[in-house]
Protein backbone atom coordinates (compact mmCIF):
# COMPACT_ATOMS: atom_id res chain seq x y z
CA MET A 1 21.04 38.85 -8.64
CA VAL A 2 19.73 35.87 -10.44
CA ILE A 3 22.40 33.70 -8.95
CA ALA A 4 21.85 34.86 -5.53
CA ALA A 5 17.75 34.24 -5.86
CA LEU A 6 18.27 30.92 -7.32
CA GLY A 7 20.47 30.18 -4.58
CA VAL A 8 17.85 31.27 -1.88
CA LEU A 9 15.26 29.10 -4.14
CA LEU A 10 17.48 25.69 -3.91
CA ALA A 11 18.10 25.96 -0.26
CA ALA A 12 14.06 26.41 0.30
CA CYS A 13 13.64 23.01 -1.71
CA GLU A 14 16.67 21.27 0.42
CA PRO A 15 15.51 19.23 3.53
CA VAL A 16 16.42 20.73 6.66
CA GLU A 17 19.75 20.08 8.23
CA GLY A 18 20.20 17.07 10.19
CA HIS A 19 22.04 13.93 10.60
CA ALA A 20 19.25 11.88 9.52
CA SER A 21 15.56 12.58 8.51
CA TRP A 22 13.30 9.24 7.49
CA LEU A 23 10.06 11.17 6.15
CA PHE A 24 8.35 7.67 5.64
CA ASN A 25 6.46 8.89 2.20
CA GLU A 26 7.62 5.69 0.28
CA THR A 27 4.72 3.76 -0.74
CA SER A 28 6.64 0.46 -2.24
CA GLY A 29 9.64 -1.39 -1.80
CA SER A 30 11.64 -1.71 1.62
CA THR A 31 14.22 1.37 1.49
CA ALA A 32 13.14 4.04 4.15
CA GLN A 33 15.08 7.20 2.59
CA ASP A 34 16.99 9.50 4.70
CA SER A 35 16.19 12.85 3.17
CA ALA A 36 18.74 14.68 4.97
CA GLY A 37 21.87 12.44 4.60
CA ASP A 38 22.75 9.03 3.95
CA HIS A 39 21.36 6.93 6.62
CA ASP A 40 18.85 4.71 4.50
CA GLY A 41 17.10 2.04 6.38
CA THR A 42 15.24 -0.80 5.60
CA ALA A 43 11.83 -1.39 6.55
CA PHE A 44 10.56 -5.21 7.38
CA ARG A 45 6.34 -5.44 7.64
CA VAL A 46 5.29 -2.17 7.56
CA THR A 47 2.58 -1.01 5.76
CA MET A 48 3.61 2.08 3.80
CA GLY A 49 1.90 4.63 2.02
CA GLN A 50 -0.30 5.31 5.43
CA PRO A 51 -1.69 8.96 6.05
CA GLY A 52 0.64 10.52 7.43
CA HIS A 53 1.09 13.96 9.67
CA GLU A 54 2.42 15.48 6.05
CA GLY A 55 2.22 13.03 3.26
CA THR A 56 2.68 9.46 3.95
CA SER A 57 3.24 7.65 7.11
CA TYR A 58 4.69 3.87 8.07
CA GLY A 59 2.03 1.66 9.61
CA PHE A 60 3.40 -0.71 12.42
CA ASN A 61 1.70 -3.95 13.50
CA GLY A 62 2.45 -3.86 17.17
CA VAL A 63 4.29 -7.46 16.12
CA ASP A 64 7.17 -7.71 13.83
CA SER A 65 7.03 -4.56 12.07
CA ILE A 66 10.26 -2.46 12.35
CA VAL A 67 12.73 -0.18 10.18
CA ARG A 68 16.27 -1.20 10.87
CA VAL A 69 19.28 1.34 9.96
CA PRO A 70 23.02 0.69 9.64
CA HIS A 71 24.85 1.96 12.38
CA ALA A 72 26.85 5.45 11.75
CA ALA A 73 29.31 7.06 14.11
CA ASP A 74 27.59 10.13 12.95
CA LEU A 75 24.52 9.04 14.79
CA ASN A 76 26.13 8.83 17.95
CA PRO A 77 26.41 12.11 20.06
CA GLY A 78 29.31 11.77 21.78
CA THR A 79 29.42 14.76 24.30
CA SER A 80 27.81 17.29 22.10
CA ASN A 81 24.12 18.48 22.40
CA MET A 82 21.48 16.10 20.53
CA SER A 83 17.91 15.43 19.90
CA PHE A 84 15.36 13.41 18.12
CA GLY A 85 12.00 12.45 17.43
CA ALA A 86 8.90 11.57 15.58
CA TRP A 87 5.22 11.88 15.17
CA VAL A 88 2.86 9.20 16.27
CA ASN A 89 -0.52 8.13 16.05
CA PHE A 90 -2.20 5.48 17.48
CA THR A 91 -5.37 4.44 19.39
CA THR A 92 -4.26 1.27 21.77
CA LEU A 93 -2.46 1.48 25.17
CA PRO A 94 0.80 0.54 25.45
CA PRO A 95 1.59 -2.65 26.90
CA GLU A 96 3.67 -3.02 30.33
CA GLU A 97 7.00 -3.41 28.42
CA THR A 98 6.25 -0.38 26.83
CA TRP A 99 6.63 0.64 22.95
CA ASP A 100 9.78 1.70 21.13
CA VAL A 101 9.28 4.57 18.82
CA VAL A 102 12.97 5.10 18.23
CA ARG A 103 16.48 3.82 19.78
CA LYS A 104 20.14 3.35 19.13
CA GLY A 105 21.37 1.06 21.21
CA ILE A 106 20.31 -1.26 24.04
CA SER A 107 21.49 -2.19 27.64
CA GLY A 108 24.87 -3.59 27.42
CA ASP A 109 25.69 -1.71 24.35
CA GLY A 110 27.37 1.01 26.30
CA GLY A 111 25.70 4.62 25.77
CA TYR A 112 22.31 4.24 24.11
CA TYR A 113 19.13 6.77 23.89
CA LYS A 114 15.86 6.30 22.98
CA LEU A 115 12.32 7.63 22.97
CA GLU A 116 9.39 5.19 23.68
CA LEU A 117 5.84 5.17 25.14
CA PHE A 118 3.99 3.50 28.05
CA THR A 119 0.80 3.26 29.96
CA GLY A 120 1.20 5.54 33.23
CA ASN A 121 -1.88 7.25 35.10
CA GLY A 122 -4.39 5.19 33.12
CA GLY A 123 -3.02 6.86 29.70
CA ALA A 124 -0.45 6.61 27.14
CA ARG A 125 2.39 8.98 27.71
CA ALA A 126 5.76 9.33 26.08
CA ARG A 127 9.53 9.04 27.62
CA CYS A 128 12.67 9.60 26.61
CA TYR A 129 15.88 7.93 28.23
CA PHE A 130 19.73 8.82 27.99
CA ARG A 131 22.55 6.33 29.36
CA ASP A 132 26.28 7.58 28.84
CA ASP A 133 29.44 5.45 28.20
CA ASP A 134 30.14 5.01 32.20
CA GLY A 135 26.49 4.22 33.18
CA THR A 136 24.91 7.48 34.34
CA SER A 137 21.33 7.37 33.28
CA LYS A 138 18.10 10.06 32.91
CA SER A 139 14.84 9.63 31.47
CA VAL A 140 12.12 12.48 31.28
CA VAL A 141 8.31 11.74 31.11
CA ARG A 142 5.35 14.17 29.60
CA GLY A 143 2.02 13.28 27.71
CA SER A 144 -1.24 11.70 28.96
CA GLY A 145 -4.02 10.43 26.75
CA LEU A 146 -1.63 10.01 23.64
CA SER A 147 -3.71 7.16 22.27
CA ASP A 148 -6.57 9.13 20.91
CA GLY A 149 -5.91 8.68 17.30
CA LYS A 150 -4.41 12.04 16.58
CA TRP A 151 -0.66 13.11 15.64
CA HIS A 152 1.61 13.70 18.19
CA GLN A 153 5.30 15.06 17.76
CA LEU A 154 7.79 13.87 20.40
CA THR A 155 10.80 15.30 20.45
CA CYS A 156 14.05 14.20 23.14
CA THR A 157 17.03 16.92 23.65
CA ARG A 158 19.92 16.37 25.49
CA THR A 159 22.06 19.10 26.53
CA ALA A 160 25.03 19.97 28.91
CA ASN A 161 23.09 19.61 32.11
CA GLN A 162 19.73 18.63 30.90
CA VAL A 163 17.45 16.33 29.23
CA THR A 164 13.89 17.10 27.98
CA ILE A 165 11.31 15.78 26.22
CA THR A 166 8.62 18.07 24.23
CA VAL A 167 5.13 16.60 23.21
CA ASP A 168 3.02 18.97 20.96
CA GLY A 169 4.91 21.81 21.92
CA ASN A 170 5.16 21.39 25.67
CA SER A 171 8.29 20.49 27.89
CA SER A 172 9.45 19.10 30.99
CA SER A 173 13.18 18.73 31.59
CA ASN A 174 15.54 16.95 34.15
CA ASP A 175 18.86 17.79 35.48
CA VAL A 176 21.73 16.04 34.89
CA GLN A 177 25.44 16.00 33.47
CA LEU A 178 25.72 12.92 31.07
CA ASP A 179 29.01 12.17 29.37
CA GLY A 180 29.76 10.94 26.19
CA ILE A 181 26.67 8.81 24.44
CA SER A 182 28.41 6.28 22.10
CA ASN A 183 27.86 2.70 20.31
CA SER A 184 28.10 0.53 17.28
CA SER A 185 24.14 -0.49 17.54
CA GLU A 186 22.02 0.05 14.50
CA VAL A 187 19.40 2.68 14.85
CA THR A 188 15.60 1.16 15.20
CA ILE A 189 12.39 2.37 14.50
CA GLY A 190 9.26 0.63 15.54
CA ALA A 191 10.48 -1.64 18.01
CA LYS A 192 13.69 -2.98 19.84
CA PRO A 193 16.81 -4.26 17.43
CA THR A 194 16.34 -7.81 19.36
CA GLY A 195 12.62 -7.67 19.00
CA GLY A 196 9.92 -7.18 21.26
CA ASP A 197 8.55 -3.29 22.38
CA ALA A 198 6.57 -3.39 19.18
CA PHE A 199 4.77 -0.21 18.34
CA ARG A 200 1.03 -0.23 17.16
CA GLY A 201 0.14 2.43 14.94
CA ARG A 202 1.42 5.00 12.75
CA ILE A 203 4.80 6.55 12.38
CA ASP A 204 5.96 9.49 10.49
CA GLN A 205 9.23 12.01 10.21
CA VAL A 206 11.73 10.56 12.13
CA ARG A 207 14.72 12.36 12.97
CA ILE A 208 17.97 12.45 14.67
CA ASP A 209 19.81 15.90 15.02
CA GLY A 210 23.18 16.79 16.34
CA GLY A 211 26.33 14.50 17.48
């Protein structure tokens, strides 16, 4: 009984299962720790220790702030279901070229996926984008007025026949059949790996699950 109870207690203290979970609770240094696995990232020109959705968050300056996570095969979903997302808080409308929240890969890398913010219908909106290795792609959009200085939870999901975006618990889906998604690129948070699309605001609790 004691051993069983101890096992339950330890399980409750462990991070939620997932391939990667960056909680952004660091307040100094440059390492963005992965609480779910071994995918630690390196933070460049971010402001740590900002108020977060839970604990602390990272502040991104909209110019050259970025978190880089080395490529790992288990961050490629292949043909499996997957989800990824983050909490965001910002007060400025994204520019025409959009802001990246989290992505793995860019055009030319084969299959890739990303979560981004853009201005549409006069307000800030969120978009999930998936492209498979054969070039088939699909995006899905939701949200409005997201630049209100409040925390918003954004999640992208890919299943066998759909891609879905969920913003603060409300979802939109588009039907599509995608093949495998894979590349050898790093994961970047807050900007494109090549520069640009730089987010301005705070990001917290980034996750990639599945694959």
